[in-house]
């Protein structure tokens, strides 16, 4: 899916999305644990929440002691994030071309934010993540997963998205020069349709 289509789709639901997902981690202790572990492993330095939406997880990262900022395609999402979290920095932009110097980030959180990309475009995005991560920097990915071996498109409520087999995604991160630290796969909750996957990798 193109950046323009994704931006338009999320602009249209920014207020509803922000209200629905404000406390999303409250009922997901295992997901919360992955984010906490990521925060403890990240070395000192800036951390970017890419595809931050209304900034709720950027604020969580900040509360865990990280120098966190957010980036999102959607101007409406960024406006909401700035209104809800005025003490944090939020910028409009795309993760495909980050305005960050080489090695400028200690960590990246991409929490269900790359799922709308065409699978063929993800290797270039992971290469960009590798570029901006400092040696020892960590990347935490969250995504809808599948029990199969192939990437599958699905009817996400906002825009077309893709489910990833965790092995396939891990292989792409390895090809991008990143080293796997941990993986996590849980069954869907009663309000989810698909398994939830997390993949934590680091730049050597």
N, C-alpha and C. Protein backbone atom coordinates (compact mmCIF):
# COMPACT_ATOMS: atom_id res chain seq x y z
N UNK A 1 0.84 -1.19 0.00
CA UNK A 1 0.00 0.00 0.00
C UNK A 1 0.88 1.24 0.00
N UNK A 2 0.52 2.29 -0.75
CA UNK A 2 1.34 3.48 -0.85
C UNK A 2 1.27 4.31 0.42
N UNK A 3 2.30 5.16 0.62
CA UNK A 3 2.30 6.06 1.75
C UNK A 3 1.08 6.98 1.71
N UNK A 4 0.73 7.45 0.51
CA UNK A 4 -0.39 8.38 0.38
C UNK A 4 -1.70 7.73 0.83
N UNK A 5 -1.94 6.50 0.40
CA UNK A 5 -3.18 5.81 0.78
C UNK A 5 -3.22 5.54 2.28
N UNK A 6 -2.09 5.14 2.85
CA UNK A 6 -2.04 4.88 4.29
C UNK A 6 -2.26 6.16 5.08
N UNK A 7 -1.61 7.24 4.63
CA UNK A 7 -1.77 8.54 5.30
C UNK A 7 -3.23 8.98 5.30
N UNK A 8 -3.87 8.88 4.15
CA UNK A 8 -5.27 9.30 4.03
C UNK A 8 -6.18 8.47 4.92
N UNK A 9 -5.94 7.16 4.95
CA UNK A 9 -6.78 6.27 5.75
C UNK A 9 -6.66 6.57 7.24
N UNK A 10 -5.44 6.82 7.72
CA UNK A 10 -5.26 7.09 9.14
C UNK A 10 -5.67 8.51 9.53
N UNK A 11 -5.54 9.46 8.61
CA UNK A 11 -6.06 10.80 8.89
C UNK A 11 -7.55 10.74 9.19
N UNK A 12 -8.26 9.89 8.47
CA UNK A 12 -9.72 9.82 8.58
C UNK A 12 -10.18 9.25 9.92
N UNK A 13 -9.32 8.48 10.59
CA UNK A 13 -9.76 7.81 11.83
C UNK A 13 -8.92 8.22 13.03
N UNK A 14 -8.18 9.31 12.92
CA UNK A 14 -7.21 9.66 13.96
C UNK A 14 -7.84 9.80 15.34
N UNK A 15 -8.95 10.50 15.42
CA UNK A 15 -9.57 10.71 16.74
C UNK A 15 -10.11 9.41 17.32
N UNK A 16 -10.81 8.63 16.51
CA UNK A 16 -11.34 7.35 16.96
C UNK A 16 -10.21 6.42 17.38
N UNK A 17 -9.16 6.35 16.58
CA UNK A 17 -8.02 5.47 16.86
C UNK A 17 -7.36 5.86 18.18
N UNK A 18 -7.15 7.17 18.37
CA UNK A 18 -6.50 7.63 19.60
C UNK A 18 -7.31 7.25 20.83
N UNK A 19 -8.61 7.41 20.75
CA UNK A 19 -9.46 7.09 21.89
C UNK A 19 -9.52 5.58 22.15
N UNK A 20 -9.52 4.78 21.10
CA UNK A 20 -9.64 3.33 21.25
C UNK A 20 -8.38 2.70 21.82
N UNK A 21 -7.22 3.22 21.43
CA UNK A 21 -5.96 2.56 21.77
C UNK A 21 -5.14 3.28 22.83
N UNK A 22 -5.75 4.25 23.50
CA UNK A 22 -5.04 5.03 24.50
C UNK A 22 -4.40 4.14 25.57
N UNK A 23 -5.13 3.13 26.03
CA UNK A 23 -4.64 2.26 27.10
C UNK A 23 -4.47 0.82 26.62
N UNK A 24 -4.02 0.68 25.39
CA UNK A 24 -4.01 -0.64 24.74
C UNK A 24 -3.17 -1.67 25.50
N UNK A 25 -2.13 -1.26 26.17
CA UNK A 25 -1.25 -2.21 26.85
C UNK A 25 -1.79 -2.68 28.20
N UNK A 26 -2.83 -2.03 28.70
CA UNK A 26 -3.33 -2.37 30.03
C UNK A 26 -3.75 -3.84 30.13
N UNK A 27 -4.34 -4.37 29.09
CA UNK A 27 -4.79 -5.75 29.11
C UNK A 27 -3.86 -6.71 28.41
N UNK A 28 -2.64 -6.27 28.11
CA UNK A 28 -1.69 -7.11 27.37
C UNK A 28 -0.36 -7.15 28.11
N UNK A 29 -0.29 -7.86 29.22
CA UNK A 29 0.92 -7.85 30.04
C UNK A 29 2.15 -8.42 29.32
N UNK A 30 1.95 -9.38 28.43
CA UNK A 30 3.10 -9.95 27.74
C UNK A 30 3.68 -8.96 26.73
N UNK A 31 2.81 -8.25 26.02
CA UNK A 31 3.26 -7.22 25.09
C UNK A 31 3.98 -6.11 25.86
N UNK A 32 3.39 -5.72 26.99
CA UNK A 32 4.00 -4.70 27.83
C UNK A 32 5.38 -5.14 28.30
N UNK A 33 5.51 -6.42 28.59
CA UNK A 33 6.80 -6.95 29.02
C UNK A 33 7.85 -6.86 27.93
N UNK A 34 7.46 -7.07 26.67
CA UNK A 34 8.42 -6.94 25.57
C UNK A 34 8.91 -5.51 25.44
N UNK A 35 8.00 -4.55 25.57
CA UNK A 35 8.39 -3.15 25.47
C UNK A 35 9.29 -2.76 26.64
N UNK A 36 8.98 -3.26 27.82
CA UNK A 36 9.81 -2.97 28.99
C UNK A 36 11.21 -3.57 28.81
N UNK A 37 11.27 -4.80 28.32
CA UNK A 37 12.57 -5.43 28.07
C UNK A 37 13.37 -4.67 27.03
N UNK A 38 12.71 -4.23 25.97
CA UNK A 38 13.36 -3.41 24.94
C UNK A 38 13.95 -2.15 25.59
N UNK A 39 13.16 -1.48 26.42
CA UNK A 39 13.63 -0.25 27.07
C UNK A 39 14.86 -0.50 27.93
N UNK A 40 14.93 -1.65 28.57
CA UNK A 40 16.07 -1.94 29.44
C UNK A 40 17.32 -2.31 28.64
N UNK A 41 17.13 -2.83 27.43
CA UNK A 41 18.26 -3.26 26.62
C UNK A 41 18.84 -2.15 25.75
N UNK A 42 18.04 -1.15 25.43
CA UNK A 42 18.50 -0.08 24.56
C UNK A 42 19.63 0.70 25.23
N UNK A 43 20.73 0.94 24.51
CA UNK A 43 21.81 1.74 25.10
C UNK A 43 21.40 3.21 25.19
N UNK A 44 22.15 4.02 25.90
CA UNK A 44 21.82 5.44 25.99
C UNK A 44 21.77 6.10 24.62
N UNK A 45 20.79 6.99 24.43
CA UNK A 45 20.67 7.69 23.17
C UNK A 45 19.23 7.82 22.73
N UNK A 46 18.98 8.53 21.63
CA UNK A 46 17.63 8.75 21.15
C UNK A 46 16.96 7.46 20.69
N UNK A 47 15.66 7.38 20.93
CA UNK A 47 14.85 6.24 20.51
C UNK A 47 13.66 6.78 19.72
N UNK A 48 13.38 6.16 18.56
CA UNK A 48 12.29 6.61 17.71
C UNK A 48 11.16 5.59 17.69
N UNK A 49 9.95 6.09 17.92
CA UNK A 49 8.73 5.29 17.78
C UNK A 49 8.20 5.59 16.37
N UNK A 50 8.47 4.67 15.44
CA UNK A 50 8.16 4.90 14.03
C UNK A 50 6.78 4.36 13.69
N UNK A 51 5.94 5.24 13.13
CA UNK A 51 4.54 4.91 12.97
C UNK A 51 3.85 5.05 14.31
N UNK A 52 4.11 6.16 14.98
CA UNK A 52 3.71 6.33 16.39
C UNK A 52 2.23 6.57 16.58
N UNK A 53 1.48 6.89 15.50
CA UNK A 53 0.07 7.19 15.66
C UNK A 53 -0.13 8.34 16.63
N UNK A 54 -1.06 8.21 17.59
CA UNK A 54 -1.33 9.31 18.53
C UNK A 54 -0.34 9.40 19.68
N UNK A 55 0.75 8.64 19.63
CA UNK A 55 1.84 8.82 20.58
C UNK A 55 1.73 8.10 21.90
N UNK A 56 0.77 7.18 22.04
CA UNK A 56 0.59 6.53 23.34
C UNK A 56 1.80 5.68 23.72
N UNK A 57 2.42 5.01 22.74
CA UNK A 57 3.58 4.19 23.08
C UNK A 57 4.85 5.02 23.18
N UNK A 58 4.91 6.13 22.47
CA UNK A 58 6.03 7.05 22.66
C UNK A 58 6.06 7.51 24.12
N UNK A 59 4.88 7.79 24.65
CA UNK A 59 4.79 8.21 26.06
C UNK A 59 5.19 7.07 27.00
N UNK A 60 4.84 5.84 26.66
CA UNK A 60 5.26 4.69 27.47
C UNK A 60 6.79 4.59 27.48
N UNK A 61 7.40 4.71 26.32
CA UNK A 61 8.86 4.66 26.25
C UNK A 61 9.48 5.76 27.10
N UNK A 62 8.92 6.94 27.02
CA UNK A 62 9.42 8.06 27.84
C UNK A 62 9.29 7.74 29.33
N UNK A 63 8.17 7.13 29.72
CA UNK A 63 7.96 6.80 31.13
C UNK A 63 8.93 5.74 31.61
N UNK A 64 9.49 4.96 30.67
CA UNK A 64 10.47 3.94 31.02
C UNK A 64 11.90 4.48 31.00
N UNK A 65 12.02 5.79 30.84
CA UNK A 65 13.33 6.42 30.95
C UNK A 65 14.06 6.65 29.65
N UNK A 66 13.40 6.45 28.52
CA UNK A 66 14.06 6.61 27.22
C UNK A 66 13.87 8.02 26.68
N UNK A 67 14.84 8.45 25.90
CA UNK A 67 14.78 9.73 25.17
C UNK A 67 14.00 9.48 23.89
N UNK A 68 12.67 9.42 24.02
CA UNK A 68 11.81 8.94 22.94
C UNK A 68 11.14 10.07 22.20
N UNK A 69 11.01 9.90 20.89
CA UNK A 69 10.24 10.79 20.04
C UNK A 69 9.44 9.94 19.07
N UNK A 70 8.46 10.55 18.41
CA UNK A 70 7.59 9.80 17.51
C UNK A 70 7.58 10.36 16.10
N UNK A 71 7.32 9.47 15.15
CA UNK A 71 7.22 9.83 13.73
C UNK A 71 6.04 9.10 13.13
N UNK A 72 5.25 9.81 12.31
CA UNK A 72 4.12 9.17 11.66
C UNK A 72 3.82 9.85 10.33
N UNK A 73 3.27 9.06 9.41
CA UNK A 73 2.85 9.60 8.10
C UNK A 73 1.69 10.56 8.21
N UNK A 74 0.80 10.33 9.16
CA UNK A 74 -0.49 11.01 9.22
C UNK A 74 -0.41 12.35 9.97
N UNK A 75 -0.67 13.46 9.29
CA UNK A 75 -0.68 14.75 9.99
C UNK A 75 -1.71 14.79 11.12
N UNK A 76 -2.85 14.15 10.93
CA UNK A 76 -3.88 14.15 11.97
C UNK A 76 -3.41 13.39 13.20
N UNK A 77 -2.72 12.28 13.00
CA UNK A 77 -2.18 11.54 14.12
C UNK A 77 -1.12 12.35 14.87
N UNK A 78 -0.25 13.02 14.11
CA UNK A 78 0.79 13.83 14.74
C UNK A 78 0.18 14.98 15.52
N UNK A 79 -0.86 15.58 14.98
CA UNK A 79 -1.54 16.66 15.70
C UNK A 79 -2.11 16.16 17.02
N UNK A 80 -2.71 14.98 16.99
CA UNK A 80 -3.28 14.41 18.22
C UNK A 80 -2.17 14.06 19.21
N UNK A 81 -1.07 13.49 18.71
CA UNK A 81 0.05 13.14 19.59
C UNK A 81 0.61 14.37 20.28
N UNK A 82 0.76 15.45 19.54
CA UNK A 82 1.30 16.68 20.12
C UNK A 82 0.34 17.26 21.15
N UNK A 83 -0.96 17.15 20.90
CA UNK A 83 -1.94 17.67 21.84
C UNK A 83 -1.98 16.84 23.13
N UNK A 84 -1.89 15.51 22.97
CA UNK A 84 -1.98 14.62 24.14
C UNK A 84 -0.68 14.54 24.94
N UNK A 85 0.45 14.76 24.26
CA UNK A 85 1.76 14.60 24.91
C UNK A 85 2.66 15.80 24.56
N UNK A 86 2.31 16.98 25.03
CA UNK A 86 3.04 18.19 24.61
C UNK A 86 4.49 18.23 25.08
N UNK A 87 4.86 17.38 26.00
CA UNK A 87 6.24 17.35 26.50
C UNK A 87 7.16 16.52 25.62
N UNK A 88 6.60 15.85 24.61
CA UNK A 88 7.39 14.99 23.73
C UNK A 88 7.44 15.55 22.32
N UNK A 89 8.42 15.09 21.55
CA UNK A 89 8.59 15.55 20.16
C UNK A 89 7.93 14.56 19.21
N UNK A 90 7.13 15.10 18.27
CA UNK A 90 6.51 14.29 17.23
C UNK A 90 6.69 14.98 15.89
N UNK A 91 7.06 14.21 14.87
CA UNK A 91 7.28 14.75 13.54
C UNK A 91 6.51 13.94 12.50
N UNK A 92 6.12 14.62 11.44
CA UNK A 92 5.50 13.94 10.31
C UNK A 92 6.60 13.44 9.37
N UNK A 93 6.49 12.22 8.90
CA UNK A 93 7.50 11.69 8.00
C UNK A 93 7.27 10.22 7.72
N UNK A 94 8.15 9.65 6.92
CA UNK A 94 8.04 8.26 6.52
C UNK A 94 9.25 7.45 6.97
N UNK A 95 9.04 6.23 7.38
CA UNK A 95 10.13 5.38 7.81
C UNK A 95 10.96 4.87 6.63
N UNK A 96 10.50 5.12 5.42
CA UNK A 96 11.28 4.68 4.26
C UNK A 96 12.47 5.58 3.98
N UNK A 97 12.44 6.81 4.51
CA UNK A 97 13.55 7.75 4.31
C UNK A 97 13.63 8.62 5.55
N UNK A 98 14.34 8.14 6.56
CA UNK A 98 14.39 8.82 7.85
C UNK A 98 15.38 9.98 7.83
N UNK A 99 14.97 11.10 8.39
CA UNK A 99 15.83 12.27 8.49
C UNK A 99 16.69 12.14 9.75
N UNK A 100 17.54 11.12 9.73
CA UNK A 100 18.38 10.78 10.87
C UNK A 100 19.77 10.43 10.33
N UNK A 101 20.83 10.93 10.94
CA UNK A 101 22.17 10.57 10.46
C UNK A 101 22.49 9.10 10.69
N UNK A 102 23.45 8.60 9.97
CA UNK A 102 23.89 7.22 10.16
C UNK A 102 24.24 6.99 11.63
N UNK A 103 23.71 5.93 12.21
CA UNK A 103 24.02 5.60 13.59
C UNK A 103 23.45 6.56 14.61
N UNK A 104 22.40 7.30 14.22
CA UNK A 104 21.87 8.34 15.10
C UNK A 104 20.88 7.89 16.15
N UNK A 105 20.45 6.63 16.11
CA UNK A 105 19.43 6.15 17.05
C UNK A 105 19.96 4.99 17.88
N UNK A 106 19.60 4.99 19.15
CA UNK A 106 19.93 3.86 20.03
C UNK A 106 18.87 2.78 19.94
N UNK A 107 17.66 3.15 19.52
CA UNK A 107 16.59 2.17 19.43
C UNK A 107 15.48 2.62 18.51
N UNK A 108 14.75 1.64 17.99
CA UNK A 108 13.58 1.89 17.14
C UNK A 108 12.47 0.96 17.60
N UNK A 109 11.29 1.53 17.80
CA UNK A 109 10.08 0.74 18.01
C UNK A 109 9.21 0.89 16.77
N UNK A 110 8.83 -0.23 16.16
CA UNK A 110 7.91 -0.23 15.02
C UNK A 110 6.76 -1.17 15.40
N UNK A 111 5.78 -0.62 16.10
CA UNK A 111 4.71 -1.40 16.73
C UNK A 111 3.49 -1.43 15.82
N UNK A 112 3.34 -2.50 15.05
CA UNK A 112 2.26 -2.66 14.08
C UNK A 112 2.24 -1.50 13.08
N UNK A 113 3.39 -0.96 12.76
CA UNK A 113 3.43 0.22 11.90
C UNK A 113 3.98 -0.06 10.51
N UNK A 114 4.60 -1.22 10.28
CA UNK A 114 5.09 -1.55 8.94
C UNK A 114 4.15 -2.52 8.24
N UNK A 115 3.05 -2.87 8.87
CA UNK A 115 2.17 -3.93 8.35
C UNK A 115 1.46 -3.53 7.07
N UNK A 116 1.36 -2.23 6.78
CA UNK A 116 0.68 -1.79 5.56
C UNK A 116 1.60 -1.73 4.36
N UNK A 117 2.89 -1.97 4.56
CA UNK A 117 3.83 -1.94 3.44
C UNK A 117 3.71 -3.19 2.59
N UNK A 118 3.88 -3.02 1.30
CA UNK A 118 3.98 -4.19 0.43
C UNK A 118 5.19 -5.01 0.89
N UNK A 119 5.03 -6.32 0.99
CA UNK A 119 6.14 -7.15 1.46
C UNK A 119 7.45 -6.92 0.71
N UNK A 120 7.36 -6.64 -0.58
CA UNK A 120 8.58 -6.43 -1.37
C UNK A 120 9.32 -5.17 -0.97
N UNK A 121 8.63 -4.24 -0.28
CA UNK A 121 9.26 -2.98 0.13
C UNK A 121 9.95 -3.07 1.49
N UNK A 122 9.66 -4.11 2.26
CA UNK A 122 10.18 -4.17 3.62
C UNK A 122 11.70 -4.32 3.70
N UNK A 123 12.36 -5.07 2.82
CA UNK A 123 13.83 -5.14 2.92
C UNK A 123 14.50 -3.77 2.88
N UNK A 124 14.01 -2.86 2.04
CA UNK A 124 14.60 -1.52 1.97
C UNK A 124 14.37 -0.75 3.26
N UNK A 125 13.21 -0.95 3.89
CA UNK A 125 12.93 -0.28 5.16
C UNK A 125 13.84 -0.81 6.26
N UNK A 126 14.03 -2.12 6.29
CA UNK A 126 14.94 -2.70 7.29
C UNK A 126 16.38 -2.23 7.07
N UNK A 127 16.76 -2.04 5.81
CA UNK A 127 18.09 -1.49 5.53
C UNK A 127 18.21 -0.07 6.06
N UNK A 128 17.12 0.70 5.96
CA UNK A 128 17.11 2.06 6.50
C UNK A 128 17.21 2.03 8.02
N UNK A 129 16.51 1.08 8.65
CA UNK A 129 16.62 0.93 10.10
C UNK A 129 18.06 0.61 10.50
N UNK A 130 18.68 -0.29 9.75
CA UNK A 130 20.07 -0.65 10.03
C UNK A 130 20.97 0.58 9.91
N UNK A 131 20.73 1.40 8.91
CA UNK A 131 21.55 2.60 8.69
C UNK A 131 21.50 3.54 9.89
N UNK A 132 20.31 3.78 10.42
CA UNK A 132 20.17 4.80 11.46
C UNK A 132 20.45 4.28 12.86
N UNK A 133 20.49 2.97 13.03
CA UNK A 133 20.81 2.42 14.35
C UNK A 133 22.31 2.50 14.63
N UNK A 134 22.65 2.89 15.84
CA UNK A 134 24.04 2.84 16.27
C UNK A 134 24.42 1.40 16.57
N UNK A 135 25.70 1.05 16.49
CA UNK A 135 26.11 -0.28 16.92
C UNK A 135 25.63 -0.56 18.35
N UNK A 136 25.00 -1.71 18.54
CA UNK A 136 24.41 -2.04 19.83
C UNK A 136 22.97 -1.58 19.97
N UNK A 137 22.48 -0.80 18.99
CA UNK A 137 21.10 -0.34 19.03
C UNK A 137 20.13 -1.47 18.77
N UNK A 138 18.92 -1.33 19.31
CA UNK A 138 17.91 -2.38 19.22
C UNK A 138 16.69 -1.92 18.43
N UNK A 139 16.06 -2.86 17.76
CA UNK A 139 14.82 -2.66 17.01
C UNK A 139 13.80 -3.67 17.50
N UNK A 140 12.61 -3.18 17.89
CA UNK A 140 11.52 -4.06 18.29
C UNK A 140 10.38 -3.91 17.29
N UNK A 141 10.02 -5.02 16.65
CA UNK A 141 8.93 -5.07 15.67
C UNK A 141 7.73 -5.77 16.27
N UNK A 142 6.54 -5.25 16.02
CA UNK A 142 5.30 -5.92 16.40
C UNK A 142 4.43 -6.04 15.16
N UNK A 143 3.73 -7.17 15.03
CA UNK A 143 3.01 -7.44 13.79
C UNK A 143 1.99 -8.55 14.01
N UNK A 144 0.98 -8.58 13.16
CA UNK A 144 0.08 -9.72 13.12
C UNK A 144 0.81 -10.86 12.40
N UNK A 145 0.79 -12.04 13.02
CA UNK A 145 1.54 -13.16 12.47
C UNK A 145 0.61 -14.20 11.86
N UNK A 146 1.21 -15.23 11.31
CA UNK A 146 0.45 -16.31 10.71
C UNK A 146 1.13 -17.63 11.04
N UNK A 147 0.34 -18.66 11.13
CA UNK A 147 0.90 -19.99 11.39
C UNK A 147 1.48 -20.62 10.14
N UNK A 148 1.23 -20.01 8.98
CA UNK A 148 1.74 -20.55 7.72
C UNK A 148 3.16 -20.10 7.46
N UNK A 149 3.60 -20.27 6.23
CA UNK A 149 4.96 -19.93 5.84
C UNK A 149 5.02 -18.77 4.86
N UNK A 150 3.86 -18.24 4.46
CA UNK A 150 3.80 -17.17 3.48
C UNK A 150 3.17 -15.92 4.10
N UNK A 151 3.62 -14.76 3.64
CA UNK A 151 2.98 -13.50 4.03
C UNK A 151 1.56 -13.46 3.47
N UNK A 152 0.62 -12.99 4.28
CA UNK A 152 -0.78 -13.00 3.88
C UNK A 152 -1.38 -11.61 4.03
N UNK A 153 -2.07 -11.13 2.99
CA UNK A 153 -2.81 -9.88 3.09
C UNK A 153 -4.08 -10.12 3.90
N UNK A 154 -4.51 -9.08 4.63
CA UNK A 154 -5.77 -9.20 5.35
C UNK A 154 -6.48 -7.86 5.39
N UNK A 155 -7.76 -7.89 5.72
CA UNK A 155 -8.62 -6.71 5.69
C UNK A 155 -8.55 -5.95 7.01
N UNK A 156 -7.42 -5.31 7.25
CA UNK A 156 -7.27 -4.45 8.41
C UNK A 156 -8.37 -3.39 8.39
N UNK A 157 -8.84 -2.99 9.56
CA UNK A 157 -9.99 -2.08 9.62
C UNK A 157 -9.70 -0.69 9.08
N UNK A 158 -8.41 -0.32 9.02
CA UNK A 158 -8.08 1.01 8.50
C UNK A 158 -7.61 0.93 7.05
N UNK A 159 -6.69 0.03 6.76
CA UNK A 159 -6.12 -0.07 5.41
C UNK A 159 -5.57 -1.48 5.21
N UNK A 160 -5.47 -1.88 3.96
CA UNK A 160 -4.92 -3.19 3.63
C UNK A 160 -3.61 -3.42 4.36
N UNK A 161 -3.44 -4.61 4.94
CA UNK A 161 -2.24 -4.91 5.70
C UNK A 161 -1.80 -6.35 5.43
N UNK A 162 -0.65 -6.69 6.02
CA UNK A 162 -0.06 -8.01 5.77
C UNK A 162 0.35 -8.67 7.08
N UNK A 163 0.08 -9.97 7.17
CA UNK A 163 0.52 -10.79 8.28
C UNK A 163 1.84 -11.47 7.89
N UNK A 164 2.75 -11.56 8.87
CA UNK A 164 4.08 -12.10 8.58
C UNK A 164 4.34 -13.37 9.38
N UNK A 165 4.83 -14.43 8.73
CA UNK A 165 5.38 -15.56 9.49
C UNK A 165 6.63 -15.07 10.23
N UNK A 166 6.76 -15.40 11.49
CA UNK A 166 7.86 -14.85 12.26
C UNK A 166 9.21 -15.30 11.74
N UNK A 167 9.30 -16.52 11.20
CA UNK A 167 10.57 -16.99 10.63
C UNK A 167 10.96 -16.17 9.41
N UNK A 168 10.00 -15.84 8.57
CA UNK A 168 10.29 -15.07 7.36
C UNK A 168 10.76 -13.66 7.72
N UNK A 169 10.11 -13.06 8.70
CA UNK A 169 10.51 -11.72 9.10
C UNK A 169 11.90 -11.74 9.74
N UNK A 170 12.16 -12.75 10.56
CA UNK A 170 13.49 -12.87 11.17
C UNK A 170 14.57 -13.02 10.11
N UNK A 171 14.26 -13.75 9.05
CA UNK A 171 15.23 -13.92 7.97
C UNK A 171 15.52 -12.59 7.28
N UNK A 172 14.49 -11.77 7.08
CA UNK A 172 14.71 -10.46 6.45
C UNK A 172 15.57 -9.56 7.33
N UNK A 173 15.35 -9.60 8.64
CA UNK A 173 16.18 -8.76 9.51
C UNK A 173 17.63 -9.24 9.49
N UNK A 174 17.82 -10.55 9.42
CA UNK A 174 19.19 -11.09 9.34
C UNK A 174 19.86 -10.63 8.06
N UNK A 175 19.14 -10.65 6.96
CA UNK A 175 19.71 -10.21 5.68
C UNK A 175 20.03 -8.72 5.69
N UNK A 176 19.33 -7.97 6.54
CA UNK A 176 19.60 -6.54 6.66
C UNK A 176 20.78 -6.26 7.57
N UNK A 177 21.39 -7.29 8.14
CA UNK A 177 22.55 -7.11 8.99
C UNK A 177 22.25 -6.99 10.46
N UNK A 178 21.04 -7.39 10.87
CA UNK A 178 20.63 -7.31 12.26
C UNK A 178 20.64 -8.70 12.90
N UNK A 179 20.90 -8.76 14.18
CA UNK A 179 21.04 -10.02 14.90
C UNK A 179 19.84 -10.23 15.81
N UNK A 180 19.23 -11.40 15.72
CA UNK A 180 18.07 -11.68 16.55
C UNK A 180 18.47 -11.80 18.02
N UNK A 181 17.67 -11.14 18.88
CA UNK A 181 17.85 -11.22 20.32
C UNK A 181 16.76 -12.08 20.94
N UNK A 182 15.52 -11.86 20.51
CA UNK A 182 14.39 -12.60 21.07
C UNK A 182 13.22 -12.53 20.11
N UNK A 183 12.35 -13.53 20.24
CA UNK A 183 11.10 -13.53 19.49
C UNK A 183 9.98 -13.96 20.42
N UNK A 184 8.79 -13.48 20.11
CA UNK A 184 7.64 -13.75 20.97
C UNK A 184 6.41 -13.90 20.08
N UNK A 185 5.67 -14.96 20.29
CA UNK A 185 4.46 -15.22 19.52
C UNK A 185 3.38 -15.66 20.50
N UNK A 186 2.26 -14.93 20.52
CA UNK A 186 1.18 -15.31 21.41
C UNK A 186 -0.11 -15.49 20.62
N UNK A 187 -0.99 -16.29 21.18
CA UNK A 187 -2.28 -16.52 20.54
C UNK A 187 -3.14 -15.26 20.66
N UNK A 188 -4.09 -15.07 19.74
CA UNK A 188 -4.93 -13.87 19.81
C UNK A 188 -5.81 -13.84 21.05
N UNK A 189 -6.04 -12.63 21.54
CA UNK A 189 -7.00 -12.46 22.62
C UNK A 189 -8.41 -12.54 22.03
N UNK A 190 -9.41 -12.40 22.89
CA UNK A 190 -10.80 -12.53 22.42
C UNK A 190 -11.21 -11.40 21.50
N UNK A 191 -10.45 -10.31 21.48
CA UNK A 191 -10.81 -9.21 20.57
C UNK A 191 -9.83 -9.10 19.40
N UNK A 192 -8.96 -10.08 19.24
CA UNK A 192 -8.02 -10.11 18.11
C UNK A 192 -8.35 -11.27 17.19
N UNK A 193 -8.00 -11.13 15.94
CA UNK A 193 -8.27 -12.19 14.96
C UNK A 193 -7.07 -13.08 14.70
N UNK A 194 -5.86 -12.55 14.94
CA UNK A 194 -4.66 -13.26 14.52
C UNK A 194 -3.63 -13.34 15.64
N UNK A 195 -2.69 -14.30 15.53
CA UNK A 195 -1.59 -14.33 16.49
C UNK A 195 -0.79 -13.03 16.45
N UNK A 196 -0.22 -12.66 17.57
CA UNK A 196 0.59 -11.44 17.67
C UNK A 196 2.06 -11.83 17.76
N UNK A 197 2.88 -11.18 16.94
CA UNK A 197 4.30 -11.47 16.93
C UNK A 197 5.14 -10.28 17.33
N UNK A 198 6.22 -10.53 18.04
CA UNK A 198 7.24 -9.53 18.35
C UNK A 198 8.58 -10.11 17.96
N UNK A 199 9.42 -9.27 17.39
CA UNK A 199 10.78 -9.67 17.05
C UNK A 199 11.73 -8.58 17.51
N UNK A 200 12.68 -8.95 18.38
CA UNK A 200 13.67 -8.01 18.90
C UNK A 200 15.02 -8.34 18.28
N UNK A 201 15.61 -7.35 17.63
CA UNK A 201 16.91 -7.55 16.97
C UNK A 201 17.83 -6.39 17.34
N UNK A 202 19.12 -6.58 17.11
CA UNK A 202 20.10 -5.52 17.41
C UNK A 202 21.09 -5.39 16.27
N UNK A 203 21.67 -4.22 16.19
CA UNK A 203 22.74 -4.00 15.22
C UNK A 203 24.07 -4.33 15.88
N UNK A 204 24.82 -5.26 15.31
CA UNK A 204 26.11 -5.65 15.93
C UNK A 204 27.07 -4.46 16.06
